[in-house]
Amino acid sequence: MHHSGLRRLFTALTGTGFALGALTVWAVSAADRHNTPWLAGTVPAALSVGSVAAGALLAHRALPGTPAAQLRKISMAFAASWLPLLAEPSPWAAVVAVLVPGAVLTPLITSAFLTTEALSAPGMVTEAYAWLIAAVGTGQAAGTALAGLTTTHHPHTTAALPALGAAFTTAVHLASRRHMRPGHPEHR
């Protein structure tokens, strides 16, 4: 964590985790509102299907640009991909809608791991990967907690939380552009 870009990257990824945690609670809430119990499990499963499909499609393709540049572009797509949930879609439309953020999640996390590797000090990559996973997990816990608090009294607000988490990720990536270069002079 000596590189300021790593600290910024991990901060940004808490927003990614936040979006994922909030989605799980939103799915349960939507299942209750629509009286469709199957939706609670199907929405997170659809997110995973989108992620696996993107991974299969991208497995043998290199994305253009540096991993840090990829992160900025992909995080913008990730934030935009959550917008259909704001319309409170029907159950089947919600399942289809979350395929898109799932598909964007795989290149986002891949670029995050590649950026982590590029910014880590020699011999510290494994520890940095652990911090990356912890950042996503911490964000996921926060998203789950906040969505759980809002879903009872403000269920429509819960639909906005994944987009807000993803927007946070984008904002931090965009603000950190100059810090995401290997060998950046600021290592405090």
N, C-alpha and C. Protein backbone atom coordinates (compact mmCIF):
# COMPACT_ATOMS: atom_id res chain seq x y z
N MET A 1 0.83 -1.20 0.00
CA MET A 1 0.00 0.00 0.00
C MET A 1 0.87 1.26 0.00
N HIS A 2 2.13 1.13 -0.38
CA HIS A 2 3.01 2.30 -0.42
C HIS A 2 2.69 3.21 -1.58
N HIS A 3 2.11 2.69 -2.62
CA HIS A 3 1.80 3.49 -3.81
C HIS A 3 0.44 4.15 -3.63
N SER A 4 0.39 5.46 -3.80
CA SER A 4 -0.88 6.18 -3.59
C SER A 4 -1.96 5.69 -4.55
N GLY A 5 -1.56 5.22 -5.73
CA GLY A 5 -2.53 4.70 -6.69
C GLY A 5 -3.24 3.47 -6.17
N LEU A 6 -2.52 2.63 -5.42
CA LEU A 6 -3.16 1.44 -4.84
C LEU A 6 -4.23 1.83 -3.82
N ARG A 7 -3.89 2.79 -2.97
CA ARG A 7 -4.89 3.23 -1.98
C ARG A 7 -6.12 3.77 -2.67
N ARG A 8 -5.93 4.52 -3.72
CA ARG A 8 -7.05 5.09 -4.47
C ARG A 8 -7.84 3.99 -5.19
N LEU A 9 -7.13 3.04 -5.76
CA LEU A 9 -7.78 1.93 -6.44
C LEU A 9 -8.66 1.14 -5.47
N PHE A 10 -8.11 0.83 -4.30
CA PHE A 10 -8.88 0.04 -3.34
C PHE A 10 -10.07 0.83 -2.80
N THR A 11 -9.89 2.14 -2.64
CA THR A 11 -11.02 2.98 -2.23
C THR A 11 -12.11 2.93 -3.29
N ALA A 12 -11.72 3.04 -4.55
CA ALA A 12 -12.69 2.99 -5.64
C ALA A 12 -13.44 1.66 -5.65
N LEU A 13 -12.73 0.58 -5.40
CA LEU A 13 -13.35 -0.74 -5.47
C LEU A 13 -14.34 -0.99 -4.33
N THR A 14 -14.28 -0.20 -3.26
CA THR A 14 -15.33 -0.34 -2.25
C THR A 14 -16.68 0.03 -2.86
N GLY A 15 -16.69 0.96 -3.81
CA GLY A 15 -17.94 1.31 -4.49
C GLY A 15 -18.47 0.16 -5.33
N THR A 16 -17.57 -0.58 -5.95
CA THR A 16 -17.96 -1.75 -6.74
C THR A 16 -18.61 -2.78 -5.83
N GLY A 17 -17.97 -3.06 -4.71
CA GLY A 17 -18.55 -4.00 -3.75
C GLY A 17 -19.87 -3.50 -3.20
N PHE A 18 -19.94 -2.18 -2.95
CA PHE A 18 -21.18 -1.56 -2.45
C PHE A 18 -22.33 -1.86 -3.41
N ALA A 19 -22.08 -1.70 -4.71
CA ALA A 19 -23.11 -1.96 -5.72
C ALA A 19 -23.58 -3.41 -5.64
N LEU A 20 -22.65 -4.34 -5.49
CA LEU A 20 -23.00 -5.75 -5.43
C LEU A 20 -23.81 -6.09 -4.18
N GLY A 21 -23.39 -5.55 -3.04
CA GLY A 21 -24.13 -5.80 -1.80
C GLY A 21 -25.52 -5.22 -1.83
N ALA A 22 -25.64 -4.00 -2.36
CA ALA A 22 -26.96 -3.36 -2.44
C ALA A 22 -27.87 -4.11 -3.39
N LEU A 23 -27.31 -4.67 -4.47
CA LEU A 23 -28.14 -5.42 -5.42
C LEU A 23 -28.80 -6.62 -4.76
N THR A 24 -28.08 -7.30 -3.93
CA THR A 24 -28.64 -8.50 -3.28
C THR A 24 -29.86 -8.13 -2.44
N VAL A 25 -29.75 -7.06 -1.68
CA VAL A 25 -30.88 -6.63 -0.86
C VAL A 25 -32.01 -6.11 -1.74
N TRP A 26 -31.67 -5.37 -2.79
CA TRP A 26 -32.69 -4.88 -3.71
C TRP A 26 -33.47 -6.04 -4.31
N ALA A 27 -32.78 -7.13 -4.66
CA ALA A 27 -33.44 -8.30 -5.24
C ALA A 27 -34.45 -8.90 -4.28
N VAL A 28 -34.09 -9.00 -3.01
CA VAL A 28 -35.01 -9.53 -2.00
C VAL A 28 -36.21 -8.59 -1.84
N SER A 29 -35.93 -7.30 -1.80
CA SER A 29 -37.00 -6.31 -1.68
C SER A 29 -37.94 -6.34 -2.88
N ALA A 30 -37.37 -6.41 -4.08
CA ALA A 30 -38.18 -6.46 -5.30
C ALA A 30 -39.01 -7.74 -5.34
N ALA A 31 -38.43 -8.84 -4.91
CA ALA A 31 -39.17 -10.10 -4.87
C ALA A 31 -40.39 -9.97 -3.96
N ASP A 32 -40.20 -9.30 -2.83
CA ASP A 32 -41.31 -9.08 -1.89
C ASP A 32 -42.37 -8.15 -2.49
N ARG A 33 -41.93 -7.05 -3.08
CA ARG A 33 -42.88 -6.08 -3.66
C ARG A 33 -43.69 -6.68 -4.82
N HIS A 34 -43.06 -7.53 -5.62
CA HIS A 34 -43.73 -8.12 -6.78
C HIS A 34 -44.36 -9.48 -6.47
N ASN A 35 -44.22 -9.92 -5.23
CA ASN A 35 -44.74 -11.23 -4.82
C ASN A 35 -44.19 -12.34 -5.73
N THR A 36 -42.89 -12.27 -5.98
CA THR A 36 -42.20 -13.26 -6.82
C THR A 36 -40.95 -13.74 -6.08
N PRO A 37 -41.11 -14.69 -5.18
CA PRO A 37 -39.98 -15.13 -4.36
C PRO A 37 -38.76 -15.58 -5.18
N TRP A 38 -38.97 -16.10 -6.35
CA TRP A 38 -37.86 -16.58 -7.18
C TRP A 38 -36.90 -15.45 -7.58
N LEU A 39 -37.38 -14.21 -7.56
CA LEU A 39 -36.57 -13.08 -7.99
C LEU A 39 -35.36 -12.85 -7.07
N ALA A 40 -35.53 -13.15 -5.79
CA ALA A 40 -34.46 -12.91 -4.81
C ALA A 40 -33.17 -13.65 -5.16
N GLY A 41 -33.28 -14.82 -5.70
CA GLY A 41 -32.10 -15.58 -6.08
C GLY A 41 -31.74 -15.44 -7.55
N THR A 42 -32.74 -15.17 -8.37
CA THR A 42 -32.50 -15.11 -9.82
C THR A 42 -31.73 -13.86 -10.23
N VAL A 43 -31.99 -12.74 -9.56
CA VAL A 43 -31.27 -11.51 -9.91
C VAL A 43 -29.76 -11.66 -9.65
N PRO A 44 -29.34 -12.08 -8.46
CA PRO A 44 -27.89 -12.27 -8.28
C PRO A 44 -27.31 -13.35 -9.21
N ALA A 45 -28.11 -14.37 -9.50
CA ALA A 45 -27.64 -15.40 -10.43
C ALA A 45 -27.45 -14.83 -11.83
N ALA A 46 -28.36 -13.95 -12.26
CA ALA A 46 -28.23 -13.32 -13.57
C ALA A 46 -26.98 -12.45 -13.63
N LEU A 47 -26.68 -11.75 -12.55
CA LEU A 47 -25.45 -10.96 -12.49
C LEU A 47 -24.24 -11.87 -12.72
N SER A 48 -24.25 -13.02 -12.08
CA SER A 48 -23.15 -13.98 -12.23
C SER A 48 -23.08 -14.55 -13.64
N VAL A 49 -24.24 -14.83 -14.23
CA VAL A 49 -24.26 -15.34 -15.60
C VAL A 49 -23.65 -14.31 -16.55
N GLY A 50 -24.01 -13.05 -16.38
CA GLY A 50 -23.42 -12.00 -17.21
C GLY A 50 -21.92 -11.92 -17.03
N SER A 51 -21.46 -12.09 -15.81
CA SER A 51 -20.04 -12.03 -15.52
C SER A 51 -19.28 -13.20 -16.16
N VAL A 52 -19.83 -14.39 -16.03
CA VAL A 52 -19.19 -15.58 -16.61
C VAL A 52 -19.18 -15.48 -18.14
N ALA A 53 -20.29 -15.02 -18.72
CA ALA A 53 -20.36 -14.89 -20.18
C ALA A 53 -19.31 -13.90 -20.68
N ALA A 54 -19.17 -12.78 -20.00
CA ALA A 54 -18.16 -11.80 -20.40
C ALA A 54 -16.76 -12.38 -20.25
N GLY A 55 -16.54 -13.12 -19.18
CA GLY A 55 -15.23 -13.75 -18.99
C GLY A 55 -14.90 -14.72 -20.11
N ALA A 56 -15.89 -15.49 -20.55
CA ALA A 56 -15.67 -16.43 -21.65
C ALA A 56 -15.38 -15.70 -22.96
N LEU A 57 -16.09 -14.59 -23.19
CA LEU A 57 -15.90 -13.83 -24.42
C LEU A 57 -14.57 -13.09 -24.44
N LEU A 58 -14.13 -12.64 -23.28
CA LEU A 58 -12.92 -11.84 -23.21
C LEU A 58 -11.66 -12.64 -22.91
N ALA A 59 -11.81 -13.93 -22.69
CA ALA A 59 -10.68 -14.75 -22.27
C ALA A 59 -9.49 -14.69 -23.21
N HIS A 60 -9.74 -14.56 -24.47
CA HIS A 60 -8.65 -14.57 -25.44
C HIS A 60 -8.50 -13.24 -26.17
N ARG A 61 -9.02 -12.19 -25.56
CA ARG A 61 -8.92 -10.86 -26.16
C ARG A 61 -8.25 -9.91 -25.18
N ALA A 62 -7.35 -9.13 -25.70
CA ALA A 62 -6.72 -8.10 -24.88
C ALA A 62 -7.51 -6.81 -25.05
N LEU A 63 -7.81 -6.16 -23.95
CA LEU A 63 -8.49 -4.87 -24.01
C LEU A 63 -7.47 -3.80 -24.37
N PRO A 64 -7.87 -2.79 -25.13
CA PRO A 64 -6.92 -1.74 -25.51
C PRO A 64 -6.58 -0.82 -24.35
N GLY A 65 -5.39 -0.28 -24.38
CA GLY A 65 -4.97 0.69 -23.36
C GLY A 65 -4.34 0.03 -22.15
N THR A 66 -3.86 0.87 -21.25
CA THR A 66 -3.28 0.38 -20.01
C THR A 66 -4.39 -0.10 -19.09
N PRO A 67 -4.09 -0.96 -18.14
CA PRO A 67 -5.14 -1.38 -17.20
C PRO A 67 -5.80 -0.20 -16.48
N ALA A 68 -5.03 0.83 -16.13
CA ALA A 68 -5.62 2.00 -15.45
C ALA A 68 -6.58 2.74 -16.38
N ALA A 69 -6.23 2.87 -17.65
CA ALA A 69 -7.13 3.51 -18.62
C ALA A 69 -8.37 2.65 -18.82
N GLN A 70 -8.19 1.36 -18.85
CA GLN A 70 -9.33 0.44 -18.96
C GLN A 70 -10.27 0.62 -17.77
N LEU A 71 -9.68 0.76 -16.58
CA LEU A 71 -10.50 0.94 -15.38
C LEU A 71 -11.40 2.16 -15.48
N ARG A 72 -10.86 3.25 -15.96
CA ARG A 72 -11.67 4.47 -16.08
C ARG A 72 -12.84 4.25 -17.03
N LYS A 73 -12.56 3.68 -18.18
CA LYS A 73 -13.62 3.46 -19.17
C LYS A 73 -14.63 2.42 -18.70
N ILE A 74 -14.14 1.33 -18.17
CA ILE A 74 -15.02 0.25 -17.74
C ILE A 74 -15.85 0.68 -16.54
N SER A 75 -15.27 1.46 -15.63
CA SER A 75 -16.05 1.89 -14.47
C SER A 75 -17.19 2.82 -14.89
N MET A 76 -16.98 3.61 -15.93
CA MET A 76 -18.08 4.44 -16.44
C MET A 76 -19.20 3.56 -17.01
N ALA A 77 -18.81 2.52 -17.74
CA ALA A 77 -19.81 1.58 -18.27
C ALA A 77 -20.52 0.85 -17.12
N PHE A 78 -19.77 0.51 -16.08
CA PHE A 78 -20.35 -0.18 -14.93
C PHE A 78 -21.40 0.71 -14.26
N ALA A 79 -21.08 1.98 -14.08
CA ALA A 79 -22.04 2.90 -13.47
C ALA A 79 -23.29 3.04 -14.34
N ALA A 80 -23.11 3.21 -15.63
CA ALA A 80 -24.26 3.37 -16.53
C ALA A 80 -25.11 2.10 -16.61
N SER A 81 -24.47 0.95 -16.43
CA SER A 81 -25.20 -0.32 -16.56
C SER A 81 -26.25 -0.53 -15.47
N TRP A 82 -26.15 0.21 -14.39
CA TRP A 82 -27.11 0.05 -13.29
C TRP A 82 -28.35 0.93 -13.46
N LEU A 83 -28.32 1.87 -14.38
CA LEU A 83 -29.42 2.82 -14.52
C LEU A 83 -30.78 2.18 -14.79
N PRO A 84 -30.89 1.08 -15.54
CA PRO A 84 -32.22 0.49 -15.75
C PRO A 84 -32.94 0.08 -14.46
N LEU A 85 -32.19 -0.21 -13.40
CA LEU A 85 -32.85 -0.57 -12.14
C LEU A 85 -33.61 0.60 -11.54
N LEU A 86 -33.21 1.81 -11.87
CA LEU A 86 -33.89 2.99 -11.33
C LEU A 86 -35.35 3.07 -11.81
N ALA A 87 -35.65 2.44 -12.92
CA ALA A 87 -37.02 2.46 -13.46
C ALA A 87 -37.92 1.43 -12.79
N GLU A 88 -37.40 0.72 -11.79
CA GLU A 88 -38.15 -0.34 -11.11
C GLU A 88 -38.76 -1.29 -12.14
N PRO A 89 -37.92 -2.01 -12.87
CA PRO A 89 -38.41 -2.88 -13.94
C PRO A 89 -39.24 -4.05 -13.41
N SER A 90 -39.99 -4.65 -14.30
CA SER A 90 -40.74 -5.85 -13.95
C SER A 90 -39.75 -6.95 -13.57
N PRO A 91 -40.20 -8.01 -12.92
CA PRO A 91 -39.26 -9.05 -12.50
C PRO A 91 -38.39 -9.60 -13.63
N TRP A 92 -38.98 -9.97 -14.75
CA TRP A 92 -38.16 -10.53 -15.84
C TRP A 92 -37.25 -9.47 -16.45
N ALA A 93 -37.72 -8.25 -16.56
CA ALA A 93 -36.88 -7.17 -17.08
C ALA A 93 -35.69 -6.92 -16.15
N ALA A 94 -35.91 -7.05 -14.85
CA ALA A 94 -34.81 -6.88 -13.88
C ALA A 94 -33.76 -7.97 -14.07
N VAL A 95 -34.21 -9.19 -14.29
CA VAL A 95 -33.27 -10.29 -14.50
C VAL A 95 -32.41 -10.02 -15.73
N VAL A 96 -33.05 -9.59 -16.81
CA VAL A 96 -32.30 -9.29 -18.04
C VAL A 96 -31.38 -8.08 -17.82
N ALA A 97 -31.89 -7.07 -17.11
CA ALA A 97 -31.12 -5.83 -16.90
C ALA A 97 -29.81 -6.09 -16.15
N VAL A 98 -29.81 -6.98 -15.17
CA VAL A 98 -28.58 -7.18 -14.39
C VAL A 98 -27.55 -8.04 -15.11
N LEU A 99 -27.90 -8.59 -16.25
CA LEU A 99 -26.89 -9.27 -17.05
C LEU A 99 -25.79 -8.29 -17.48
N VAL A 100 -26.19 -7.04 -17.74
CA VAL A 100 -25.23 -6.05 -18.25
C VAL A 100 -24.20 -5.67 -17.19
N PRO A 101 -24.60 -5.25 -15.97
CA PRO A 101 -23.54 -4.97 -14.99
C PRO A 101 -22.70 -6.21 -14.68
N GLY A 102 -23.30 -7.38 -14.77
CA GLY A 102 -22.53 -8.60 -14.59
C GLY A 102 -21.45 -8.74 -15.66
N ALA A 103 -21.83 -8.43 -16.91
CA ALA A 103 -20.89 -8.53 -18.01
C ALA A 103 -19.77 -7.50 -17.88
N VAL A 104 -20.07 -6.34 -17.32
CA VAL A 104 -19.05 -5.30 -17.16
C VAL A 104 -18.17 -5.57 -15.94
N LEU A 105 -18.70 -6.30 -14.97
CA LEU A 105 -17.96 -6.59 -13.75
C LEU A 105 -16.66 -7.36 -14.02
N THR A 106 -16.70 -8.33 -14.91
CA THR A 106 -15.52 -9.14 -15.18
C THR A 106 -14.35 -8.31 -15.71
N PRO A 107 -14.54 -7.49 -16.76
CA PRO A 107 -13.39 -6.68 -17.19
C PRO A 107 -12.97 -5.63 -16.16
N LEU A 108 -13.92 -5.16 -15.34
CA LEU A 108 -13.58 -4.19 -14.30
C LEU A 108 -12.64 -4.83 -13.27
N ILE A 109 -13.01 -6.00 -12.79
CA ILE A 109 -12.19 -6.68 -11.78
C ILE A 109 -10.86 -7.13 -12.39
N THR A 110 -10.89 -7.59 -13.64
CA THR A 110 -9.64 -7.99 -14.31
C THR A 110 -8.69 -6.81 -14.41
N SER A 111 -9.20 -5.67 -14.84
CA SER A 111 -8.36 -4.47 -14.95
C SER A 111 -7.86 -4.03 -13.59
N ALA A 112 -8.68 -4.21 -12.56
CA ALA A 112 -8.26 -3.85 -11.20
C ALA A 112 -7.09 -4.73 -10.75
N PHE A 113 -7.17 -6.03 -11.03
CA PHE A 113 -6.07 -6.92 -10.67
C PHE A 113 -4.80 -6.57 -11.45
N LEU A 114 -4.95 -6.27 -12.75
CA LEU A 114 -3.78 -5.91 -13.55
C LEU A 114 -3.16 -4.59 -13.08
N THR A 115 -4.00 -3.63 -12.71
CA THR A 115 -3.49 -2.37 -12.19
C THR A 115 -2.79 -2.59 -10.86
N THR A 116 -3.39 -3.42 -10.03
CA THR A 116 -2.77 -3.74 -8.73
C THR A 116 -1.38 -4.34 -8.94
N GLU A 117 -1.28 -5.25 -9.86
CA GLU A 117 0.02 -5.87 -10.13
C GLU A 117 1.03 -4.83 -10.62
N ALA A 118 0.59 -3.93 -11.51
CA ALA A 118 1.50 -2.92 -12.06
C ALA A 118 1.97 -1.91 -11.01
N LEU A 119 1.12 -1.63 -10.02
CA LEU A 119 1.46 -0.61 -9.02
C LEU A 119 2.13 -1.18 -7.77
N SER A 120 2.11 -2.48 -7.61
CA SER A 120 2.65 -3.09 -6.39
C SER A 120 4.17 -3.14 -6.42
N ALA A 121 4.74 -3.00 -5.24
CA ALA A 121 6.19 -3.14 -5.09
C ALA A 121 6.58 -4.59 -5.34
N PRO A 122 7.78 -4.83 -5.81
CA PRO A 122 8.22 -6.21 -6.01
C PRO A 122 8.06 -7.03 -4.72
N GLY A 123 7.52 -8.21 -4.88
CA GLY A 123 7.32 -9.10 -3.75
C GLY A 123 6.08 -8.81 -2.93
N MET A 124 5.31 -7.81 -3.31
CA MET A 124 4.13 -7.42 -2.52
C MET A 124 2.81 -7.63 -3.28
N VAL A 125 2.86 -8.27 -4.43
CA VAL A 125 1.66 -8.42 -5.26
C VAL A 125 0.59 -9.25 -4.55
N THR A 126 0.98 -10.32 -3.91
CA THR A 126 -0.01 -11.18 -3.24
C THR A 126 -0.72 -10.41 -2.13
N GLU A 127 0.02 -9.66 -1.35
CA GLU A 127 -0.60 -8.85 -0.29
C GLU A 127 -1.53 -7.80 -0.91
N ALA A 128 -1.11 -7.20 -1.99
CA ALA A 128 -1.94 -6.19 -2.65
C ALA A 128 -3.23 -6.82 -3.18
N TYR A 129 -3.15 -8.03 -3.72
CA TYR A 129 -4.36 -8.72 -4.17
C TYR A 129 -5.32 -8.95 -3.00
N ALA A 130 -4.77 -9.28 -1.85
CA ALA A 130 -5.61 -9.48 -0.67
C ALA A 130 -6.32 -8.19 -0.28
N TRP A 131 -5.63 -7.06 -0.39
CA TRP A 131 -6.24 -5.76 -0.10
C TRP A 131 -7.35 -5.45 -1.12
N LEU A 132 -7.13 -5.81 -2.37
CA LEU A 132 -8.15 -5.60 -3.40
C LEU A 132 -9.42 -6.37 -3.04
N ILE A 133 -9.26 -7.62 -2.70
CA ILE A 133 -10.42 -8.45 -2.34
C ILE A 133 -11.08 -7.91 -1.07
N ALA A 134 -10.29 -7.48 -0.12
CA ALA A 134 -10.85 -6.91 1.12
C ALA A 134 -11.62 -5.63 0.83
N ALA A 135 -11.14 -4.81 -0.09
CA ALA A 135 -11.83 -3.57 -0.44
C ALA A 135 -13.20 -3.86 -1.04
N VAL A 136 -13.26 -4.82 -1.97
CA VAL A 136 -14.54 -5.18 -2.57
C VAL A 136 -15.47 -5.77 -1.49
N GLY A 137 -14.94 -6.63 -0.65
CA GLY A 137 -15.75 -7.23 0.41
C GLY A 137 -16.27 -6.22 1.42
N THR A 138 -15.43 -5.25 1.77
CA THR A 138 -15.86 -4.20 2.70
C THR A 138 -16.98 -3.37 2.08
N GLY A 139 -16.82 -3.02 0.81
CA GLY A 139 -17.87 -2.28 0.13
C GLY A 139 -19.16 -3.09 0.04
N GLN A 140 -19.02 -4.38 -0.20
CA GLN A 140 -20.20 -5.25 -0.29
C GLN A 140 -20.95 -5.28 1.04
N ALA A 141 -20.22 -5.37 2.12
CA ALA A 141 -20.86 -5.36 3.44
C ALA A 141 -21.57 -4.03 3.68
N ALA A 142 -20.93 -2.93 3.32
CA ALA A 142 -21.55 -1.61 3.50
C ALA A 142 -22.79 -1.46 2.63
N GLY A 143 -22.73 -1.92 1.39
CA GLY A 143 -23.89 -1.85 0.50
C GLY A 143 -25.05 -2.69 1.01
N THR A 144 -24.74 -3.87 1.52
CA THR A 144 -25.78 -4.73 2.08
C THR A 144 -26.41 -4.06 3.30
N ALA A 145 -25.59 -3.50 4.16
CA ALA A 145 -26.10 -2.87 5.38
C ALA A 145 -26.98 -1.65 5.06
N LEU A 146 -26.49 -0.77 4.20
CA LEU A 146 -27.27 0.43 3.89
C LEU A 146 -28.56 0.07 3.14
N ALA A 147 -28.47 -0.85 2.21
CA ALA A 147 -29.67 -1.28 1.49
C ALA A 147 -30.66 -1.92 2.46
N GLY A 148 -30.16 -2.67 3.41
CA GLY A 148 -31.05 -3.27 4.41
C GLY A 148 -31.76 -2.22 5.24
N LEU A 149 -31.08 -1.12 5.54
CA LEU A 149 -31.70 -0.05 6.32
C LEU A 149 -32.74 0.73 5.50
N THR A 150 -32.49 0.89 4.21
CA THR A 150 -33.40 1.70 3.40
C THR A 150 -34.58 0.92 2.84
N THR A 151 -34.45 -0.37 2.69
CA THR A 151 -35.47 -1.12 1.97
C THR A 151 -36.82 -1.14 2.68
N THR A 152 -36.83 -1.08 3.98
CA THR A 152 -38.10 -1.11 4.71
C THR A 152 -38.88 0.18 4.54
N HIS A 153 -38.21 1.30 4.67
CA HIS A 153 -38.92 2.58 4.65
C HIS A 153 -38.83 3.31 3.32
N HIS A 154 -37.82 3.00 2.53
CA HIS A 154 -37.62 3.69 1.25
C HIS A 154 -37.21 2.67 0.18
N PRO A 155 -38.09 1.73 -0.17
CA PRO A 155 -37.69 0.65 -1.09
C PRO A 155 -37.25 1.16 -2.47
N HIS A 156 -37.78 2.27 -2.92
CA HIS A 156 -37.38 2.78 -4.24
C HIS A 156 -35.98 3.39 -4.20
N THR A 157 -35.57 3.85 -3.04
CA THR A 157 -34.21 4.36 -2.87
C THR A 157 -33.21 3.23 -3.02
N THR A 158 -33.58 2.05 -2.58
CA THR A 158 -32.69 0.90 -2.64
C THR A 158 -32.26 0.61 -4.07
N ALA A 159 -33.14 0.84 -5.04
CA ALA A 159 -32.81 0.60 -6.44
C ALA A 159 -31.69 1.52 -6.92
N ALA A 160 -31.53 2.67 -6.29
CA ALA A 160 -30.49 3.62 -6.69
C ALA A 160 -29.12 3.28 -6.10
N LEU A 161 -29.09 2.49 -5.05
CA LEU A 161 -27.82 2.24 -4.36
C LEU A 161 -26.76 1.55 -5.21
N PRO A 162 -27.10 0.54 -6.03
CA PRO A 162 -26.04 -0.03 -6.88
C PRO A 162 -25.43 1.01 -7.82
N ALA A 163 -26.27 1.85 -8.40
CA ALA A 163 -25.77 2.90 -9.30
C ALA A 163 -24.89 3.89 -8.54
N LEU A 164 -25.27 4.21 -7.31
CA LEU A 164 -24.46 5.14 -6.51
C LEU A 164 -23.10 4.54 -6.17
N GLY A 165 -23.08 3.28 -5.82
CA GLY A 165 -21.80 2.62 -5.54
C GLY A 165 -20.90 2.60 -6.77
N ALA A 166 -21.49 2.27 -7.91
CA ALA A 166 -20.72 2.23 -9.16
C ALA A 166 -20.26 3.64 -9.56
N ALA A 167 -21.10 4.64 -9.31
CA ALA A 167 -20.71 6.03 -9.62
C ALA A 167 -19.54 6.46 -8.73
N PHE A 168 -19.53 6.01 -7.49
CA PHE A 168 -18.41 6.30 -6.59
C PHE A 168 -17.12 5.70 -7.17
N THR A 169 -17.20 4.45 -7.63
CA THR A 169 -16.04 3.81 -8.25
C THR A 169 -15.52 4.66 -9.40
N THR A 170 -16.42 5.10 -10.27
CA THR A 170 -16.03 5.91 -11.42
C THR A 170 -15.40 7.22 -10.98
N ALA A 171 -16.02 7.90 -10.04
CA ALA A 171 -15.51 9.20 -9.59
C ALA A 171 -14.10 9.08 -9.04
N VAL A 172 -13.85 8.06 -8.25
CA VAL A 172 -12.50 7.89 -7.68
C VAL A 172 -11.50 7.55 -8.78
N HIS A 173 -11.88 6.68 -9.71
CA HIS A 173 -10.97 6.35 -10.82
C HIS A 173 -10.64 7.59 -11.65
N LEU A 174 -11.63 8.39 -11.95
CA LEU A 174 -11.39 9.59 -12.76
C LEU A 174 -10.53 10.61 -12.01
N ALA A 175 -10.78 10.76 -10.72
CA ALA A 175 -10.01 11.71 -9.92
C ALA A 175 -8.58 11.23 -9.66
N SER A 176 -8.34 9.95 -9.83
CA SER A 176 -7.03 9.36 -9.50
C SER A 176 -6.17 9.10 -10.73
N ARG A 177 -6.55 9.63 -11.83
CA ARG A 177 -5.87 9.33 -13.09
C ARG A 177 -4.35 9.46 -13.00
N ARG A 178 -3.86 10.56 -12.47
CA ARG A 178 -2.41 10.78 -12.44
C ARG A 178 -1.70 9.91 -11.40
N HIS A 179 -2.43 9.31 -10.50
CA HIS A 179 -1.83 8.47 -9.45
C HIS A 179 -1.74 7.00 -9.85
N MET A 180 -2.34 6.64 -10.97
CA MET A 180 -2.44 5.23 -11.35
C MET A 180 -1.33 4.78 -12.30
N ARG A 181 -0.22 5.46 -12.26
CA ARG A 181 0.91 5.09 -13.11
C ARG A 181 1.98 4.39 -12.26
N PRO A 182 2.52 3.28 -12.77
CA PRO A 182 3.63 2.66 -12.04
C PRO A 182 4.77 3.67 -11.88
N GLY A 183 5.37 3.65 -10.73
CA GLY A 183 6.49 4.54 -10.46
C GLY A 183 6.09 5.97 -10.20
N HIS A 184 4.81 6.21 -9.96
CA HIS A 184 4.36 7.58 -9.66
C HIS A 184 5.14 8.06 -8.44
N PRO A 185 5.60 9.32 -8.44
CA PRO A 185 6.47 9.79 -7.37
C PRO A 185 5.81 9.84 -6.00
N GLU A 186 4.50 9.92 -5.91
CA GLU A 186 3.84 10.02 -4.60
C GLU A 186 3.60 8.62 -4.04
N HIS A 187 4.39 8.22 -3.07
CA HIS A 187 4.26 6.87 -2.48
C HIS A 187 3.92 6.96 -0.99
N ARG A 188 3.33 8.05 -0.55
CA ARG A 188 3.02 8.22 0.86
C ARG A 188 1.76 7.50 1.25
